[in-house]
N, C-alpha and C. Protein backbone atom coordinates (compact mmCIF):
# COMPACT_ATOMS: atom_id res chain seq x y z
N MET A 1 0.84 -1.18 0.00
CA MET A 1 0.00 0.00 0.00
C MET A 1 0.89 1.24 0.00
N SER A 2 0.52 2.21 -0.76
CA SER A 2 1.29 3.44 -0.82
C SER A 2 1.31 4.11 0.54
N ASP A 3 2.50 4.53 0.95
CA ASP A 3 2.67 5.10 2.28
C ASP A 3 1.96 6.42 2.50
N ASN A 4 1.67 7.13 1.44
CA ASN A 4 1.09 8.45 1.64
C ASN A 4 -0.43 8.49 1.57
N VAL A 5 -1.09 7.40 1.27
CA VAL A 5 -2.55 7.41 1.14
C VAL A 5 -3.22 7.63 2.51
N ILE A 6 -2.84 6.87 3.51
CA ILE A 6 -3.50 6.98 4.82
C ILE A 6 -3.32 8.37 5.44
N PRO A 7 -2.12 8.96 5.44
CA PRO A 7 -2.01 10.32 5.99
C PRO A 7 -2.88 11.34 5.25
N GLN A 8 -2.98 11.21 3.95
CA GLN A 8 -3.81 12.15 3.19
C GLN A 8 -5.30 11.94 3.51
N LEU A 9 -5.71 10.69 3.64
CA LEU A 9 -7.10 10.41 4.04
C LEU A 9 -7.36 10.96 5.44
N ARG A 10 -6.43 10.73 6.37
CA ARG A 10 -6.59 11.22 7.75
C ARG A 10 -6.73 12.74 7.76
N ASP A 11 -5.88 13.44 7.01
CA ASP A 11 -5.96 14.89 6.96
C ASP A 11 -7.30 15.36 6.40
N PHE A 12 -7.75 14.72 5.33
CA PHE A 12 -9.02 15.10 4.72
C PHE A 12 -10.18 14.86 5.70
N ILE A 13 -10.24 13.70 6.30
CA ILE A 13 -11.34 13.36 7.20
C ILE A 13 -11.32 14.27 8.42
N ALA A 14 -10.16 14.54 8.97
CA ALA A 14 -10.07 15.45 10.12
C ALA A 14 -10.56 16.84 9.74
N ARG A 15 -10.11 17.33 8.60
CA ARG A 15 -10.47 18.68 8.15
C ARG A 15 -11.96 18.79 7.83
N GLU A 16 -12.49 17.81 7.10
CA GLU A 16 -13.86 17.91 6.61
C GLU A 16 -14.93 17.45 7.60
N PHE A 17 -14.60 16.46 8.43
CA PHE A 17 -15.64 15.85 9.26
C PHE A 17 -15.41 15.97 10.76
N LEU A 18 -14.20 16.38 11.17
CA LEU A 18 -13.87 16.43 12.60
C LEU A 18 -13.36 17.80 13.02
N ASN A 19 -13.78 18.83 12.32
CA ASN A 19 -13.39 20.20 12.65
C ASN A 19 -11.88 20.38 12.76
N GLY A 20 -11.14 19.67 11.93
CA GLY A 20 -9.69 19.82 11.89
C GLY A 20 -8.93 19.05 12.95
N LYS A 21 -9.64 18.28 13.77
CA LYS A 21 -8.98 17.55 14.86
C LYS A 21 -8.89 16.07 14.52
N ASP A 22 -7.68 15.55 14.59
CA ASP A 22 -7.51 14.13 14.31
C ASP A 22 -7.11 13.34 15.56
N ASP A 23 -7.37 13.91 16.73
CA ASP A 23 -7.08 13.22 17.99
C ASP A 23 -7.80 11.88 18.03
N GLY A 24 -7.06 10.82 18.20
CA GLY A 24 -7.64 9.49 18.28
C GLY A 24 -7.96 8.86 16.93
N LEU A 25 -7.75 9.60 15.86
CA LEU A 25 -8.02 9.06 14.53
C LEU A 25 -6.78 8.34 14.03
N ASP A 26 -6.89 7.02 13.92
CA ASP A 26 -5.77 6.25 13.40
C ASP A 26 -6.26 5.30 12.32
N GLU A 27 -5.38 4.44 11.85
CA GLU A 27 -5.69 3.57 10.72
C GLU A 27 -6.88 2.65 10.96
N SER A 28 -7.15 2.31 12.22
CA SER A 28 -8.22 1.35 12.52
C SER A 28 -9.44 1.97 13.18
N THR A 29 -9.50 3.28 13.30
CA THR A 29 -10.67 3.93 13.89
C THR A 29 -11.91 3.53 13.10
N PRO A 30 -12.95 3.04 13.80
CA PRO A 30 -14.18 2.62 13.10
C PRO A 30 -15.01 3.83 12.66
N LEU A 31 -14.73 4.31 11.48
CA LEU A 31 -15.31 5.57 10.99
C LEU A 31 -16.83 5.55 10.90
N ILE A 32 -17.39 4.46 10.46
CA ILE A 32 -18.85 4.38 10.33
C ILE A 32 -19.49 4.20 11.71
N ASP A 33 -18.94 3.28 12.49
CA ASP A 33 -19.49 3.01 13.82
C ASP A 33 -19.47 4.25 14.71
N TRP A 34 -18.45 5.07 14.57
CA TRP A 34 -18.34 6.28 15.38
C TRP A 34 -19.08 7.47 14.77
N GLY A 35 -19.71 7.27 13.61
CA GLY A 35 -20.48 8.34 12.99
C GLY A 35 -19.64 9.39 12.28
N VAL A 36 -18.38 9.09 12.05
CA VAL A 36 -17.52 10.04 11.34
C VAL A 36 -17.92 10.10 9.87
N ILE A 37 -18.20 8.96 9.30
CA ILE A 37 -18.64 8.88 7.90
C ILE A 37 -20.10 8.46 7.86
N ASP A 38 -20.91 9.29 7.21
CA ASP A 38 -22.32 8.97 7.00
C ASP A 38 -22.59 9.09 5.50
N SER A 39 -23.83 9.00 5.12
CA SER A 39 -24.15 8.99 3.69
C SER A 39 -23.74 10.28 2.98
N ILE A 40 -23.83 11.40 3.65
CA ILE A 40 -23.41 12.68 3.05
C ILE A 40 -21.89 12.72 2.92
N ALA A 41 -21.20 12.25 3.95
CA ALA A 41 -19.74 12.26 3.94
C ALA A 41 -19.19 11.36 2.84
N ILE A 42 -19.88 10.30 2.53
CA ILE A 42 -19.42 9.37 1.50
C ILE A 42 -19.28 10.09 0.16
N VAL A 43 -20.20 10.97 -0.16
CA VAL A 43 -20.14 11.71 -1.41
C VAL A 43 -18.89 12.59 -1.43
N SER A 44 -18.64 13.28 -0.34
CA SER A 44 -17.47 14.14 -0.24
C SER A 44 -16.18 13.33 -0.31
N LEU A 45 -16.15 12.20 0.38
CA LEU A 45 -14.98 11.33 0.37
C LEU A 45 -14.73 10.79 -1.04
N ARG A 46 -15.79 10.40 -1.71
CA ARG A 46 -15.67 9.88 -3.08
C ARG A 46 -15.09 10.94 -4.01
N ASP A 47 -15.54 12.18 -3.88
CA ASP A 47 -15.01 13.27 -4.70
C ASP A 47 -13.54 13.52 -4.39
N PHE A 48 -13.18 13.51 -3.10
CA PHE A 48 -11.79 13.70 -2.71
C PHE A 48 -10.89 12.62 -3.30
N VAL A 49 -11.30 11.38 -3.19
CA VAL A 49 -10.51 10.26 -3.71
C VAL A 49 -10.32 10.41 -5.22
N SER A 50 -11.36 10.81 -5.91
CA SER A 50 -11.28 10.99 -7.35
C SER A 50 -10.28 12.09 -7.71
N MET A 51 -10.39 13.23 -7.04
CA MET A 51 -9.51 14.35 -7.35
C MET A 51 -8.08 14.10 -6.89
N ARG A 52 -7.91 13.58 -5.70
CA ARG A 52 -6.57 13.45 -5.11
C ARG A 52 -5.79 12.26 -5.64
N PHE A 53 -6.49 11.14 -5.82
CA PHE A 53 -5.80 9.90 -6.18
C PHE A 53 -6.10 9.44 -7.61
N GLY A 54 -6.99 10.15 -8.30
CA GLY A 54 -7.32 9.80 -9.67
C GLY A 54 -8.03 8.47 -9.80
N VAL A 55 -8.81 8.13 -8.79
CA VAL A 55 -9.52 6.85 -8.76
C VAL A 55 -11.01 7.12 -8.61
N GLU A 56 -11.78 6.56 -9.51
CA GLU A 56 -13.24 6.65 -9.40
C GLU A 56 -13.73 5.44 -8.61
N ILE A 57 -14.45 5.69 -7.54
CA ILE A 57 -15.01 4.60 -6.75
C ILE A 57 -16.40 4.29 -7.29
N PRO A 58 -16.59 3.10 -7.86
CA PRO A 58 -17.91 2.73 -8.37
C PRO A 58 -18.93 2.65 -7.23
N HIS A 59 -20.16 2.93 -7.56
CA HIS A 59 -21.22 2.88 -6.56
C HIS A 59 -21.25 1.53 -5.83
N SER A 60 -20.99 0.47 -6.57
CA SER A 60 -21.02 -0.87 -5.97
C SER A 60 -19.95 -1.07 -4.90
N GLU A 61 -18.92 -0.22 -4.88
CA GLU A 61 -17.85 -0.33 -3.90
C GLU A 61 -18.08 0.56 -2.68
N LEU A 62 -19.11 1.38 -2.72
CA LEU A 62 -19.41 2.28 -1.59
C LEU A 62 -20.23 1.53 -0.55
N LYS A 63 -19.59 0.60 0.12
CA LYS A 63 -20.25 -0.22 1.13
C LYS A 63 -19.44 -0.18 2.42
N PRO A 64 -20.08 -0.44 3.54
CA PRO A 64 -19.40 -0.33 4.83
C PRO A 64 -18.08 -1.10 4.93
N SER A 65 -18.00 -2.25 4.32
CA SER A 65 -16.77 -3.04 4.42
C SER A 65 -15.58 -2.34 3.76
N ASN A 66 -15.84 -1.45 2.82
CA ASN A 66 -14.76 -0.71 2.15
C ASN A 66 -14.47 0.65 2.78
N LEU A 67 -15.37 1.11 3.65
CA LEU A 67 -15.26 2.46 4.20
C LEU A 67 -15.18 2.48 5.72
N SER A 68 -14.92 1.36 6.32
CA SER A 68 -14.99 1.25 7.78
C SER A 68 -13.82 1.87 8.52
N SER A 69 -12.68 2.06 7.86
CA SER A 69 -11.50 2.64 8.52
C SER A 69 -10.59 3.24 7.45
N LEU A 70 -9.59 3.96 7.90
CA LEU A 70 -8.61 4.50 6.96
C LEU A 70 -7.92 3.39 6.20
N THR A 71 -7.65 2.29 6.88
CA THR A 71 -6.99 1.15 6.24
C THR A 71 -7.85 0.56 5.14
N THR A 72 -9.14 0.38 5.39
CA THR A 72 -10.00 -0.23 4.36
C THR A 72 -10.19 0.71 3.18
N ILE A 73 -10.26 2.02 3.44
CA ILE A 73 -10.40 2.98 2.34
C ILE A 73 -9.12 2.99 1.50
N ALA A 74 -7.97 3.00 2.17
CA ALA A 74 -6.70 2.98 1.45
C ALA A 74 -6.56 1.69 0.63
N SER A 75 -6.98 0.58 1.18
CA SER A 75 -6.93 -0.69 0.45
C SER A 75 -7.83 -0.64 -0.79
N LEU A 76 -9.00 -0.04 -0.64
CA LEU A 76 -9.91 0.12 -1.78
C LEU A 76 -9.24 0.96 -2.86
N ILE A 77 -8.62 2.06 -2.48
CA ILE A 77 -7.96 2.93 -3.45
C ILE A 77 -6.86 2.17 -4.18
N GLU A 78 -6.05 1.45 -3.43
CA GLU A 78 -4.96 0.69 -4.04
C GLU A 78 -5.49 -0.40 -4.97
N ARG A 79 -6.55 -1.06 -4.56
CA ARG A 79 -7.14 -2.11 -5.41
C ARG A 79 -7.68 -1.52 -6.71
N LEU A 80 -8.36 -0.38 -6.60
CA LEU A 80 -8.90 0.26 -7.80
C LEU A 80 -7.79 0.82 -8.69
N ARG A 81 -6.74 1.29 -8.10
CA ARG A 81 -5.58 1.77 -8.89
C ARG A 81 -4.99 0.63 -9.71
N SER A 82 -4.90 -0.53 -9.09
CA SER A 82 -4.25 -1.66 -9.77
C SER A 82 -5.10 -2.25 -10.89
N THR A 83 -6.40 -1.97 -10.88
CA THR A 83 -7.28 -2.51 -11.92
C THR A 83 -7.54 -1.51 -13.04
N SER A 84 -7.06 -0.27 -12.86
CA SER A 84 -7.33 0.74 -13.90
C SER A 84 -6.21 0.85 -14.89
């Protein structure tokens, strides 16, 4: 996995959804369970991933198992990069 994906995701999520605070936000933080990512946030996250990483996330991939933590989101990005 690319070393810079998770820090960029963490910065984006902290800035956009946590008022700029990433205290306690790490690779395994349960983003959906903690309410950090909801249906509105998914749209914003999808746009960020597209612009920042050049990866389009298909609607079929926007499921909790792919968005549950920074690690799962980064894995999704890497998987989609490798298939494009």
